[in-house]
Amino acid sequence: GSFFSIDAMGWYRQAPGKQRELVATIISSGGCTVYTDSVKGRF
């Protein structure tokens, strides 16, 4: 699309009967990443 920049990209997930949760994000400027505890070391 017609975007100038992307600042952050990430993934969320939602299981049946559960609330949506953040899985992982990455910030474009510095490359900082964040993971939810349940996926650390695997994703």
PDB file of all heavy atoms in Angstrom:
ATOM      1  N   GLY A   1       0.813  -1.198   0.000  1.00  0.00           N
ATOM      2  CA  GLY A   1       0.000   0.000   0.000  1.00  0.00           C
ATOM      3  C   GLY A   1       0.849   1.251   0.000  1.00  0.00           C
ATOM      4  O   GLY A   1       2.066   1.197  -0.164  1.00  0.00           O
ATOM      5  N   SER A   2       0.197   2.366   0.193  1.00  0.00           N
ATOM      6  CA  SER A   2       0.870   3.662   0.117  1.00  0.00           C
ATOM      7  C   SER A   2       1.336   4.135   1.491  1.00  0.00           C
ATOM      8  O   SER A   2       0.942   5.197   1.975  1.00  0.00           O
ATOM      9  CB  SER A   2      -0.062   4.696  -0.519  1.00  0.00           C
ATOM     10  OG  SER A   2      -1.287   4.811   0.209  1.00  0.00           O
ATOM     11  N   PHE A   3       2.191   3.373   2.104  1.00  0.00           N
ATOM     12  CA  PHE A   3       2.730   3.764   3.391  1.00  0.00           C
ATOM     13  C   PHE A   3       4.139   4.336   3.225  1.00  0.00           C
ATOM     14  O   PHE A   3       4.879   3.944   2.325  1.00  0.00           O
ATOM     15  CB  PHE A   3       2.736   2.601   4.392  1.00  0.00           C
ATOM     16  CG  PHE A   3       3.345   1.339   3.867  1.00  0.00           C
ATOM     17  CD1 PHE A   3       4.715   1.162   3.868  1.00  0.00           C
ATOM     18  CD2 PHE A   3       2.541   0.314   3.386  1.00  0.00           C
ATOM     19  CE1 PHE A   3       5.287  -0.011   3.389  1.00  0.00           C
ATOM     20  CE2 PHE A   3       3.095  -0.861   2.909  1.00  0.00           C
ATOM     21  CZ  PHE A   3       4.471  -1.017   2.906  1.00  0.00           C
ATOM     22  N   PHE A   4       4.463   5.246   4.117  1.00  0.00           N
ATOM     23  CA  PHE A   4       5.791   5.835   4.118  1.00  0.00           C
ATOM     24  C   PHE A   4       6.776   4.956   4.868  1.00  0.00           C
ATOM     25  O   PHE A   4       7.924   4.796   4.442  1.00  0.00           O
ATOM     26  CB  PHE A   4       5.743   7.240   4.738  1.00  0.00           C
ATOM     27  CG  PHE A   4       7.104   7.858   4.950  1.00  0.00           C
ATOM     28  CD1 PHE A   4       7.794   8.418   3.890  1.00  0.00           C
ATOM     29  CD2 PHE A   4       7.689   7.882   6.207  1.00  0.00           C
ATOM     30  CE1 PHE A   4       9.042   8.993   4.075  1.00  0.00           C
ATOM     31  CE2 PHE A   4       8.935   8.446   6.404  1.00  0.00           C
ATOM     32  CZ  PHE A   4       9.615   9.004   5.324  1.00  0.00           C
ATOM     33  N   SER A   5       6.331   4.411   5.967  1.00  0.00           N
ATOM     34  CA  SER A   5       7.202   3.584   6.777  1.00  0.00           C
ATOM     35  C   SER A   5       6.382   2.607   7.598  1.00  0.00           C
ATOM     36  O   SER A   5       5.198   2.825   7.853  1.00  0.00           O
ATOM     37  CB  SER A   5       8.064   4.440   7.705  1.00  0.00           C
ATOM     38  OG  SER A   5       7.269   5.121   8.655  1.00  0.00           O
ATOM     39  N   ILE A   6       7.038   1.545   8.009  1.00  0.00           N
ATOM     40  CA  ILE A   6       6.468   0.595   8.946  1.00  0.00           C
ATOM     41  C   ILE A   6       7.305   0.656  10.214  1.00  0.00           C
ATOM     42  O   ILE A   6       8.512   0.453  10.175  1.00  0.00           O
ATOM     43  CB  ILE A   6       6.456  -0.826   8.370  1.00  0.00           C
ATOM     44  CG1 ILE A   6       5.493  -0.912   7.190  1.00  0.00           C
ATOM     45  CG2 ILE A   6       6.085  -1.838   9.454  1.00  0.00           C
ATOM     46  CD1 ILE A   6       5.489  -2.246   6.490  1.00  0.00           C
ATOM     47  N   ASP A   7       6.654   0.934  11.320  1.00  0.00           N
ATOM     48  CA  ASP A   7       7.360   1.119  12.580  1.00  0.00           C
ATOM     49  C   ASP A   7       7.416  -0.146  13.418  1.00  0.00           C
ATOM     50  O   ASP A   7       8.384  -0.362  14.148  1.00  0.00           O
ATOM     51  CB  ASP A   7       6.713   2.242  13.385  1.00  0.00           C
ATOM     52  CG  ASP A   7       6.738   3.568  12.654  1.00  0.00           C
ATOM     53  OD1 ASP A   7       7.771   3.888  12.022  1.00  0.00           O
ATOM     54  OD2 ASP A   7       5.727   4.294  12.704  1.00  0.00           O
ATOM     55  N   ALA A   8       6.382  -0.946  13.329  1.00  0.00           N
ATOM     56  CA  ALA A   8       6.351  -2.165  14.123  1.00  0.00           C
ATOM     57  C   ALA A   8       5.497  -3.211  13.430  1.00  0.00           C
ATOM     58  O   ALA A   8       4.494  -2.890  12.791  1.00  0.00           O
ATOM     59  CB  ALA A   8       5.813  -1.892  15.526  1.00  0.00           C
ATOM     60  N   MET A   9       5.891  -4.457  13.575  1.00  0.00           N
ATOM     61  CA  MET A   9       5.138  -5.571  13.028  1.00  0.00           C
ATOM     62  C   MET A   9       5.076  -6.657  14.090  1.00  0.00           C
ATOM     63  O   MET A   9       6.031  -6.856  14.841  1.00  0.00           O
ATOM     64  CB  MET A   9       5.785  -6.126  11.756  1.00  0.00           C
ATOM     65  CG  MET A   9       6.086  -5.070  10.703  1.00  0.00           C
ATOM     66  SD  MET A   9       6.808  -5.751   9.178  1.00  0.00           S
ATOM     67  CE  MET A   9       5.314  -6.275   8.327  1.00  0.00           C
ATOM     68  N   GLY A  10       3.961  -7.345  14.124  1.00  0.00           N
ATOM     69  CA  GLY A  10       3.836  -8.372  15.140  1.00  0.00           C
ATOM     70  C   GLY A  10       2.765  -9.385  14.831  1.00  0.00           C
ATOM     71  O   GLY A  10       2.063  -9.296  13.819  1.00  0.00           O
ATOM     72  N   TRP A  11       2.676 -10.352  15.719  1.00  0.00           N
ATOM     73  CA  TRP A  11       1.705 -11.425  15.598  1.00  0.00           C
ATOM     74  C   TRP A  11       0.902 -11.560  16.870  1.00  0.00           C
ATOM     75  O   TRP A  11       1.462 -11.529  17.974  1.00  0.00           O
ATOM     76  CB  TRP A  11       2.394 -12.760  15.293  1.00  0.00           C
ATOM     77  CG  TRP A  11       3.025 -12.821  13.938  1.00  0.00           C
ATOM     78  CD1 TRP A  11       4.308 -12.516  13.611  1.00  0.00           C
ATOM     79  CD2 TRP A  11       2.379 -13.214  12.722  1.00  0.00           C
ATOM     80  NE1 TRP A  11       4.513 -12.699  12.270  1.00  0.00           N
ATOM     81  CE2 TRP A  11       3.352 -13.127  11.692  1.00  0.00           C
ATOM     82  CE3 TRP A  11       1.102 -13.635  12.397  1.00  0.00           C
ATOM     83  CZ2 TRP A  11       3.067 -13.441  10.370  1.00  0.00           C
ATOM     84  CZ3 TRP A  11       0.813 -13.948  11.074  1.00  0.00           C
ATOM     85  CH2 TRP A  11       1.792 -13.845  10.082  1.00  0.00           C
ATOM     86  N   TYR A  12      -0.388 -11.715  16.715  1.00  0.00           N
ATOM     87  CA  TYR A  12      -1.302 -12.014  17.796  1.00  0.00           C
ATOM     88  C   TYR A  12      -1.991 -13.329  17.488  1.00  0.00           C
ATOM     89  O   TYR A  12      -2.008 -13.778  16.347  1.00  0.00           O
ATOM     90  CB  TYR A  12      -2.357 -10.914  17.950  1.00  0.00           C
ATOM     91  CG  TYR A  12      -1.816  -9.583  18.425  1.00  0.00           C
ATOM     92  CD1 TYR A  12      -1.082  -8.757  17.580  1.00  0.00           C
ATOM     93  CD2 TYR A  12      -2.058  -9.141  19.728  1.00  0.00           C
ATOM     94  CE1 TYR A  12      -0.595  -7.537  18.013  1.00  0.00           C
ATOM     95  CE2 TYR A  12      -1.577  -7.919  20.165  1.00  0.00           C
ATOM     96  CZ  TYR A  12      -0.849  -7.126  19.306  1.00  0.00           C
ATOM     97  OH  TYR A  12      -0.371  -5.910  19.746  1.00  0.00           O
ATOM     98  N   ARG A  13      -2.557 -13.936  18.511  1.00  0.00           N
ATOM     99  CA  ARG A  13      -3.295 -15.168  18.287  1.00  0.00           C
ATOM    100  C   ARG A  13      -4.512 -15.218  19.192  1.00  0.00           C
ATOM    101  O   ARG A  13      -4.537 -14.615  20.263  1.00  0.00           O
ATOM    102  CB  ARG A  13      -2.418 -16.402  18.513  1.00  0.00           C
ATOM    103  CG  ARG A  13      -1.983 -16.629  19.954  1.00  0.00           C
ATOM    104  CD  ARG A  13      -1.020 -17.807  20.025  1.00  0.00           C
ATOM    105  NE  ARG A  13      -0.579 -18.074  21.384  1.00  0.00           N
ATOM    106  CZ  ARG A  13       0.357 -18.952  21.710  1.00  0.00           C
ATOM    107  NH1 ARG A  13       0.960 -19.662  20.752  1.00  0.00           N
ATOM    108  NH2 ARG A  13       0.695 -19.130  22.979  1.00  0.00           N
ATOM    109  N   GLN A  14      -5.500 -15.957  18.740  1.00  0.00           N
ATOM    110  CA  GLN A  14      -6.713 -16.127  19.505  1.00  0.00           C
ATOM    111  C   GLN A  14      -7.192 -17.562  19.362  1.00  0.00           C
ATOM    112  O   GLN A  14      -7.493 -18.020  18.262  1.00  0.00           O
ATOM    113  CB  GLN A  14      -7.807 -15.160  19.048  1.00  0.00           C
ATOM    114  CG  GLN A  14      -9.046 -15.180  19.915  1.00  0.00           C
ATOM    115  CD  GLN A  14      -9.971 -14.013  19.639  1.00  0.00           C
ATOM    116  OE1 GLN A  14      -9.910 -13.392  18.586  1.00  0.00           O
ATOM    117  NE2 GLN A  14     -10.823 -13.700  20.593  1.00  0.00           N
ATOM    118  N   ALA A  15      -7.238 -18.251  20.482  1.00  0.00           N
ATOM    119  CA  ALA A  15      -7.722 -19.619  20.518  1.00  0.00           C
ATOM    120  C   ALA A  15      -9.213 -19.617  20.828  1.00  0.00           C
ATOM    121  O   ALA A  15      -9.737 -18.659  21.402  1.00  0.00           O
ATOM    122  CB  ALA A  15      -6.957 -20.419  21.567  1.00  0.00           C
ATOM    123  N   PRO A  16      -9.915 -20.687  20.468  1.00  0.00           N
ATOM    124  CA  PRO A  16     -11.352 -20.758  20.752  1.00  0.00           C
ATOM    125  C   PRO A  16     -11.649 -20.562  22.233  1.00  0.00           C
ATOM    126  O   PRO A  16     -11.050 -21.214  23.092  1.00  0.00           O
ATOM    127  CB  PRO A  16     -11.730 -22.169  20.296  1.00  0.00           C
ATOM    128  CG  PRO A  16     -10.727 -22.498  19.247  1.00  0.00           C
ATOM    129  CD  PRO A  16      -9.447 -21.867  19.725  1.00  0.00           C
ATOM    130  N   GLY A  17     -12.539 -19.652  22.517  1.00  0.00           N
ATOM    131  CA  GLY A  17     -12.923 -19.382  23.892  1.00  0.00           C
ATOM    132  C   GLY A  17     -11.924 -18.576  24.689  1.00  0.00           C
ATOM    133  O   GLY A  17     -12.130 -18.363  25.890  1.00  0.00           O
ATOM    134  N   LYS A  18     -10.869 -18.143  24.054  1.00  0.00           N
ATOM    135  CA  LYS A  18      -9.829 -17.387  24.735  1.00  0.00           C
ATOM    136  C   LYS A  18      -9.718 -15.976  24.166  1.00  0.00           C
ATOM    137  O   LYS A  18     -10.128 -15.708  23.027  1.00  0.00           O
ATOM    138  CB  LYS A  18      -8.477 -18.088  24.629  1.00  0.00           C
ATOM    139  CG  LYS A  18      -8.428 -19.485  25.237  1.00  0.00           C
ATOM    140  CD  LYS A  18      -8.590 -19.428  26.737  1.00  0.00           C
ATOM    141  CE  LYS A  18      -8.487 -20.817  27.348  1.00  0.00           C
ATOM    142  NZ  LYS A  18      -7.142 -21.398  27.181  1.00  0.00           N
ATOM    143  N   GLN A  19      -9.153 -15.094  24.947  1.00  0.00           N
ATOM    144  CA  GLN A  19      -8.945 -13.729  24.518  1.00  0.00           C
ATOM    145  C   GLN A  19      -7.710 -13.636  23.625  1.00  0.00           C
ATOM    146  O   GLN A  19      -6.767 -14.412  23.755  1.00  0.00           O
ATOM    147  CB  GLN A  19      -8.798 -12.822  25.743  1.00  0.00           C
ATOM    148  CG  GLN A  19      -8.996 -11.352  25.460  1.00  0.00           C
ATOM    149  CD  GLN A  19      -9.114 -10.539  26.734  1.00  0.00           C
ATOM    150  OE1 GLN A  19      -8.762 -10.999  27.810  1.00  0.00           O
ATOM    151  NE2 GLN A  19      -9.610  -9.320  26.613  1.00  0.00           N
ATOM    152  N   ARG A  20      -7.733 -12.692  22.734  1.00  0.00           N
ATOM    153  CA  ARG A  20      -6.592 -12.479  21.855  1.00  0.00           C
ATOM    154  C   ARG A  20      -5.375 -12.077  22.670  1.00  0.00           C
ATOM    155  O   ARG A  20      -5.466 -11.282  23.605  1.00  0.00           O
ATOM    156  CB  ARG A  20      -6.920 -11.389  20.835  1.00  0.00           C
ATOM    157  CG  ARG A  20      -5.828 -11.141  19.802  1.00  0.00           C
ATOM    158  CD  ARG A  20      -6.190  -9.968  18.911  1.00  0.00           C
ATOM    159  NE  ARG A  20      -6.246  -8.725  19.671  1.00  0.00           N
ATOM    160  CZ  ARG A  20      -6.700  -7.571  19.200  1.00  0.00           C
ATOM    161  NH1 ARG A  20      -7.163  -7.506  17.961  1.00  0.00           N
ATOM    162  NH2 ARG A  20      -6.707  -6.493  19.957  1.00  0.00           N
ATOM    163  N   GLU A  21      -4.237 -12.630  22.325  1.00  0.00           N
ATOM    164  CA  GLU A  21      -3.013 -12.312  23.034  1.00  0.00           C
ATOM    165  C   GLU A  21      -1.887 -12.008  22.058  1.00  0.00           C
ATOM    166  O   GLU A  21      -1.836 -12.542  20.950  1.00  0.00           O
ATOM    167  CB  GLU A  21      -2.594 -13.463  23.958  1.00  0.00           C
ATOM    168  CG  GLU A  21      -2.184 -14.733  23.229  1.00  0.00           C
ATOM    169  CD  GLU A  21      -1.590 -15.785  24.147  1.00  0.00           C
ATOM    170  OE1 GLU A  21      -1.278 -15.458  25.308  1.00  0.00           O
ATOM    171  OE2 GLU A  21      -1.432 -16.939  23.706  1.00  0.00           O
ATOM    172  N   LEU A  22      -0.988 -11.172  22.494  1.00  0.00           N
ATOM    173  CA  LEU A  22       0.191 -10.869  21.701  1.00  0.00           C
ATOM    174  C   LEU A  22       1.162 -12.032  21.785  1.00  0.00           C
ATOM    175  O   LEU A  22       1.432 -12.547  22.868  1.00  0.00           O
ATOM    176  CB  LEU A  22       0.845  -9.577  22.190  1.00  0.00           C
ATOM    177  CG  LEU A  22       2.028  -9.046  21.372  1.00  0.00           C
ATOM    178  CD1 LEU A  22       2.027  -7.527  21.388  1.00  0.00           C
ATOM    179  CD2 LEU A  22       3.345  -9.571  21.921  1.00  0.00           C
ATOM    180  N   VAL A  23       1.699 -12.426  20.642  1.00  0.00           N
ATOM    181  CA  VAL A  23       2.670 -13.506  20.582  1.00  0.00           C
ATOM    182  C   VAL A  23       4.085 -12.945  20.504  1.00  0.00           C
ATOM    183  O   VAL A  23       4.955 -13.314  21.291  1.00  0.00           O
ATOM    184  CB  VAL A  23       2.410 -14.431  19.386  1.00  0.00           C
ATOM    185  CG1 VAL A  23       3.458 -15.539  19.328  1.00  0.00           C
ATOM    186  CG2 VAL A  23       1.011 -15.019  19.461  1.00  0.00           C
ATOM    187  N   ALA A  24       4.309 -12.068  19.547  1.00  0.00           N
ATOM    188  CA  ALA A  24       5.634 -11.486  19.354  1.00  0.00           C
ATOM    189  C   ALA A  24       5.523 -10.213  18.543  1.00  0.00           C
ATOM    190  O   ALA A  24       4.640 -10.086  17.699  1.00  0.00           O
ATOM    191  CB  ALA A  24       6.571 -12.474  18.653  1.00  0.00           C
ATOM    192  N   THR A  25       6.415  -9.287  18.800  1.00  0.00           N
ATOM    193  CA  THR A  25       6.487  -8.050  18.034  1.00  0.00           C
ATOM    194  C   THR A  25       7.935  -7.725  17.737  1.00  0.00           C
ATOM    195  O   THR A  25       8.845  -8.149  18.453  1.00  0.00           O
ATOM    196  CB  THR A  25       5.856  -6.857  18.775  1.00  0.00           C
ATOM    197  OG1 THR A  25       6.537  -6.650  20.019  1.00  0.00           O
ATOM    198  CG2 THR A  25       4.377  -7.105  19.038  1.00  0.00           C
ATOM    199  N   ILE A  26       8.127  -6.957  16.690  1.00  0.00           N
ATOM    200  CA  ILE A  26       9.454  -6.477  16.347  1.00  0.00           C
ATOM    201  C   ILE A  26       9.331  -5.015  15.932  1.00  0.00           C
ATOM    202  O   ILE A  26       8.478  -4.658  15.123  1.00  0.00           O
ATOM    203  CB  ILE A  26      10.107  -7.337  15.247  1.00  0.00           C
ATOM    204  CG1 ILE A  26      11.533  -6.860  14.960  1.00  0.00           C
ATOM    205  CG2 ILE A  26       9.267  -7.359  13.978  1.00  0.00           C
ATOM    206  CD1 ILE A  26      12.346  -7.856  14.148  1.00  0.00           C
ATOM    207  N   ILE A  27      10.191  -4.183  16.487  1.00  0.00           N
ATOM    208  CA  ILE A  27      10.195  -2.756  16.197  1.00  0.00           C
ATOM    209  C   ILE A  27      11.236  -2.487  15.126  1.00  0.00           C
ATOM    210  O   ILE A  27      12.393  -2.879  15.260  1.00  0.00           O
ATOM    211  CB  ILE A  27      10.487  -1.938  17.465  1.00  0.00           C
ATOM    212  CG1 ILE A  27       9.404  -2.203  18.508  1.00  0.00           C
ATOM    213  CG2 ILE A  27      10.561  -0.453  17.147  1.00  0.00           C
ATOM    214  CD1 ILE A  27       9.669  -1.586  19.852  1.00  0.00           C
ATOM    215  N   SER A  28      10.810  -1.791  14.085  1.00  0.00           N
ATOM    216  CA  SER A  28      11.666  -1.625  12.916  1.00  0.00           C
ATOM    217  C   SER A  28      12.916  -0.799  13.189  1.00  0.00           C
ATOM    218  O   SER A  28      13.998  -1.115  12.692  1.00  0.00           O
ATOM    219  CB  SER A  28      10.870  -0.992  11.775  1.00  0.00           C
ATOM    220  OG  SER A  28       9.778  -1.814  11.393  1.00  0.00           O
ATOM    221  N   SER A  29      12.780   0.270  13.957  1.00  0.00           N
ATOM    222  CA  SER A  29      13.887   1.199  14.137  1.00  0.00           C
ATOM    223  C   SER A  29      15.100   0.561  14.801  1.00  0.00           C
ATOM    224  O   SER A  29      16.220   0.713  14.328  1.00  0.00           O
ATOM    225  CB  SER A  29      13.428   2.416  14.939  1.00  0.00           C
ATOM    226  OG  SER A  29      12.943   2.027  16.213  1.00  0.00           O
ATOM    227  N   GLY A  30      14.890  -0.143  15.880  1.00  0.00           N
ATOM    228  CA  GLY A  30      15.993  -0.728  16.604  1.00  0.00           C
ATOM    229  C   GLY A  30      16.079  -2.240  16.556  1.00  0.00           C
ATOM    230  O   GLY A  30      17.046  -2.824  17.060  1.00  0.00           O
ATOM    231  N   GLY A  31      15.079  -2.873  15.976  1.00  0.00           N
ATOM    232  CA  GLY A  31      15.071  -4.322  15.900  1.00  0.00           C
ATOM    233  C   GLY A  31      14.727  -5.010  17.201  1.00  0.00           C
ATOM    234  O   GLY A  31      14.943  -6.217  17.335  1.00  0.00           O
ATOM    235  N   CYS A  32      14.208  -4.277  18.136  1.00  0.00           N
ATOM    236  CA  CYS A  32      13.828  -4.849  19.420  1.00  0.00           C
ATOM    237  C   CYS A  32      12.680  -5.833  19.245  1.00  0.00           C
ATOM    238  O   CYS A  32      11.734  -5.569  18.504  1.00  0.00           O
ATOM    239  CB  CYS A  32      13.431  -3.742  20.379  1.00  0.00           C
ATOM    240  SG  CYS A  32      12.949  -4.315  22.018  1.00  0.00           S
ATOM    241  N   THR A  33      12.772  -6.953  19.926  1.00  0.00           N
ATOM    242  CA  THR A  33      11.743  -7.975  19.851  1.00  0.00           C
ATOM    243  C   THR A  33      11.188  -8.277  21.231  1.00  0.00           C
ATOM    244  O   THR A  33      11.891  -8.184  22.232  1.00  0.00           O
ATOM    245  CB  THR A  33      12.274  -9.276  19.232  1.00  0.00           C
ATOM    246  OG1 THR A  33      13.377  -9.758  20.005  1.00  0.00           O
ATOM    247  CG2 THR A  33      12.740  -9.037  17.806  1.00  0.00           C
ATOM    248  N   VAL A  34       9.923  -8.655  21.252  1.00  0.00           N
ATOM    249  CA  VAL A  34       9.253  -9.022  22.490  1.00  0.00           C
ATOM    250  C   VAL A  34       8.447 -10.282  22.236  1.00  0.00           C
ATOM    251  O   VAL A  34       7.764 -10.388  21.224  1.00  0.00           O
ATOM    252  CB  VAL A  34       8.333  -7.898  22.993  1.00  0.00           C
ATOM    253  CG1 VAL A  34       7.597  -8.334  24.262  1.00  0.00           C
ATOM    254  CG2 VAL A  34       9.122  -6.630  23.261  1.00  0.00           C
ATOM    255  N   TYR A  35       8.535 -11.226  23.167  1.00  0.00           N
ATOM    256  CA  TYR A  35       7.805 -12.478  23.059  1.00  0.00           C
ATOM    257  C   TYR A  35       6.994 -12.725  24.312  1.00  0.00           C
ATOM    258  O   TYR A  35       7.414 -12.376  25.420  1.00  0.00           O
ATOM    259  CB  TYR A  35       8.753 -13.667  22.874  1.00  0.00           C
ATOM    260  CG  TYR A  35       9.603 -13.625  21.634  1.00  0.00           C
ATOM    261  CD1 TYR A  35      10.852 -13.015  21.641  1.00  0.00           C
ATOM    262  CD2 TYR A  35       9.162 -14.214  20.453  1.00  0.00           C
ATOM    263  CE1 TYR A  35      11.640 -12.980  20.501  1.00  0.00           C
ATOM    264  CE2 TYR A  35       9.945 -14.186  19.308  1.00  0.00           C
ATOM    265  CZ  TYR A  35      11.183 -13.569  19.341  1.00  0.00           C
ATOM    266  OH  TYR A  35      11.966 -13.549  18.207  1.00  0.00           O
ATOM    267  N   THR A  36       5.857 -13.349  24.144  1.00  0.00           N
ATOM    268  CA  THR A  36       5.131 -13.813  25.302  1.00  0.00           C
ATOM    269  C   THR A  36       5.877 -15.004  25.891  1.00  0.00           C
ATOM    270  O   THR A  36       6.548 -15.752  25.181  1.00  0.00           O
ATOM    271  CB  THR A  36       3.688 -14.191  24.925  1.00  0.00           C
ATOM    272  OG1 THR A  36       2.929 -14.426  26.116  1.00  0.00           O
ATOM    273  CG2 THR A  36       3.650 -15.435  24.066  1.00  0.00           C
ATOM    274  N   ASP A  37       5.779 -15.181  27.194  1.00  0.00           N
ATOM    275  CA  ASP A  37       6.588 -16.181  27.882  1.00  0.00           C
ATOM    276  C   ASP A  37       6.406 -17.595  27.343  1.00  0.00           C
ATOM    277  O   ASP A  37       7.357 -18.377  27.287  1.00  0.00           O
ATOM    278  CB  ASP A  37       6.278 -16.164  29.380  1.00  0.00           C
ATOM    279  CG  ASP A  37       6.831 -14.945  30.081  1.00  0.00           C
ATOM    280  OD1 ASP A  37       7.730 -14.288  29.523  1.00  0.00           O
ATOM    281  OD2 ASP A  37       6.363 -14.647  31.200  1.00  0.00           O
ATOM    282  N   SER A  38       5.216 -17.927  26.946  1.00  0.00           N
ATOM    283  CA  SER A  38       4.928 -19.291  26.542  1.00  0.00           C
ATOM    284  C   SER A  38       5.613 -19.716  25.243  1.00  0.00           C
ATOM    285  O   SER A  38       5.677 -20.912  24.947  1.00  0.00           O
ATOM    286  CB  SER A  38       3.416 -19.496  26.406  1.00  0.00           C
ATOM    287  OG  SER A  38       2.881 -18.663  25.392  1.00  0.00           O
ATOM    288  N   VAL A  39       6.127 -18.765  24.469  1.00  0.00           N
ATOM    289  CA  VAL A  39       6.757 -19.109  23.195  1.00  0.00           C
ATOM    290  C   VAL A  39       8.249 -18.818  23.177  1.00  0.00           C
ATOM    291  O   VAL A  39       8.916 -19.129  22.183  1.00  0.00           O
ATOM    292  CB  VAL A  39       6.090 -18.375  22.012  1.00  0.00           C
ATOM    293  CG1 VAL A  39       4.583 -18.609  22.026  1.00  0.00           C
ATOM    294  CG2 VAL A  39       6.400 -16.886  22.032  1.00  0.00           C
ATOM    295  N   LYS A  40       8.780 -18.262  24.230  1.00  0.00           N
ATOM    296  CA  LYS A  40      10.198 -17.945  24.274  1.00  0.00           C
ATOM    297  C   LYS A  40      11.040 -19.208  24.112  1.00  0.00           C
ATOM    298  O   LYS A  40      10.786 -20.232  24.738  1.00  0.00           O
ATOM    299  CB  LYS A  40      10.552 -17.250  25.589  1.00  0.00           C
ATOM    300  CG  LYS A  40      10.036 -15.832  25.691  1.00  0.00           C
ATOM    301  CD  LYS A  40      10.433 -15.186  27.014  1.00  0.00           C
ATOM    302  CE  LYS A  40       9.943 -13.755  27.097  1.00  0.00           C
ATOM    303  NZ  LYS A  40      10.280 -13.127  28.400  1.00  0.00           N
ATOM    304  N   GLY A  41      12.037 -19.111  23.253  1.00  0.00           N
ATOM    305  CA  GLY A  41      12.889 -20.251  22.975  1.00  0.00           C
ATOM    306  C   GLY A  41      12.375 -21.152  21.880  1.00  0.00           C
ATOM    307  O   GLY A  41      13.118 -22.014  21.395  1.00  0.00           O
ATOM    308  N   ARG A  42      11.123 -20.978  21.488  1.00  0.00           N
ATOM    309  CA  ARG A  42      10.534 -21.804  20.438  1.00  0.00           C
ATOM    310  C   ARG A  42      10.193 -21.003  19.183  1.00  0.00           C
ATOM    311  O   ARG A  42      10.317 -21.524  18.078  1.00  0.00           O
ATOM    312  CB  ARG A  42       9.266 -22.490  20.950  1.00  0.00           C
ATOM    313  CG  ARG A  42       9.500 -23.409  22.139  1.00  0.00           C
ATOM    314  CD  ARG A  42       8.246 -24.210  22.477  1.00  0.00           C
ATOM    315  NE  ARG A  42       7.135 -23.345  22.869  1.00  0.00           N
ATOM    316  CZ  ARG A  42       5.975 -23.292  22.233  1.00  0.00           C
ATOM    317  NH1 ARG A  42       5.769 -24.052  21.159  1.00  0.00           N
ATOM    318  NH2 ARG A  42       5.003 -22.491  22.669  1.00  0.00           N
ATOM    319  N   PHE A  43       9.741 -19.779  19.368  1.00  0.00           N
ATOM    320  CA  PHE A  43       9.341 -18.930  18.246  1.00  0.00           C
ATOM    321  C   PHE A  43      10.378 -17.846  18.007  1.00  0.00           C
ATOM    322  O   PHE A  43      11.020 -17.357  18.943  1.00  0.00           O
ATOM    323  CB  PHE A  43       7.997 -18.252  18.522  1.00  0.00           C
ATOM    324  CG  PHE A  43       6.809 -19.174  18.545  1.00  0.00           C
ATOM    325  CD1 PHE A  43       6.957 -20.553  18.531  1.00  0.00           C
ATOM    326  CD2 PHE A  43       5.529 -18.643  18.584  1.00  0.00           C
ATOM    327  CE1 PHE A  43       5.860 -21.399  18.565  1.00  0.00           C
ATOM    328  CE2 PHE A  43       4.422 -19.474  18.609  1.00  0.00           C
ATOM    329  CZ  PHE A  43       4.585 -20.852  18.598  1.00  0.00           C
TER     330      PHE A  43
END
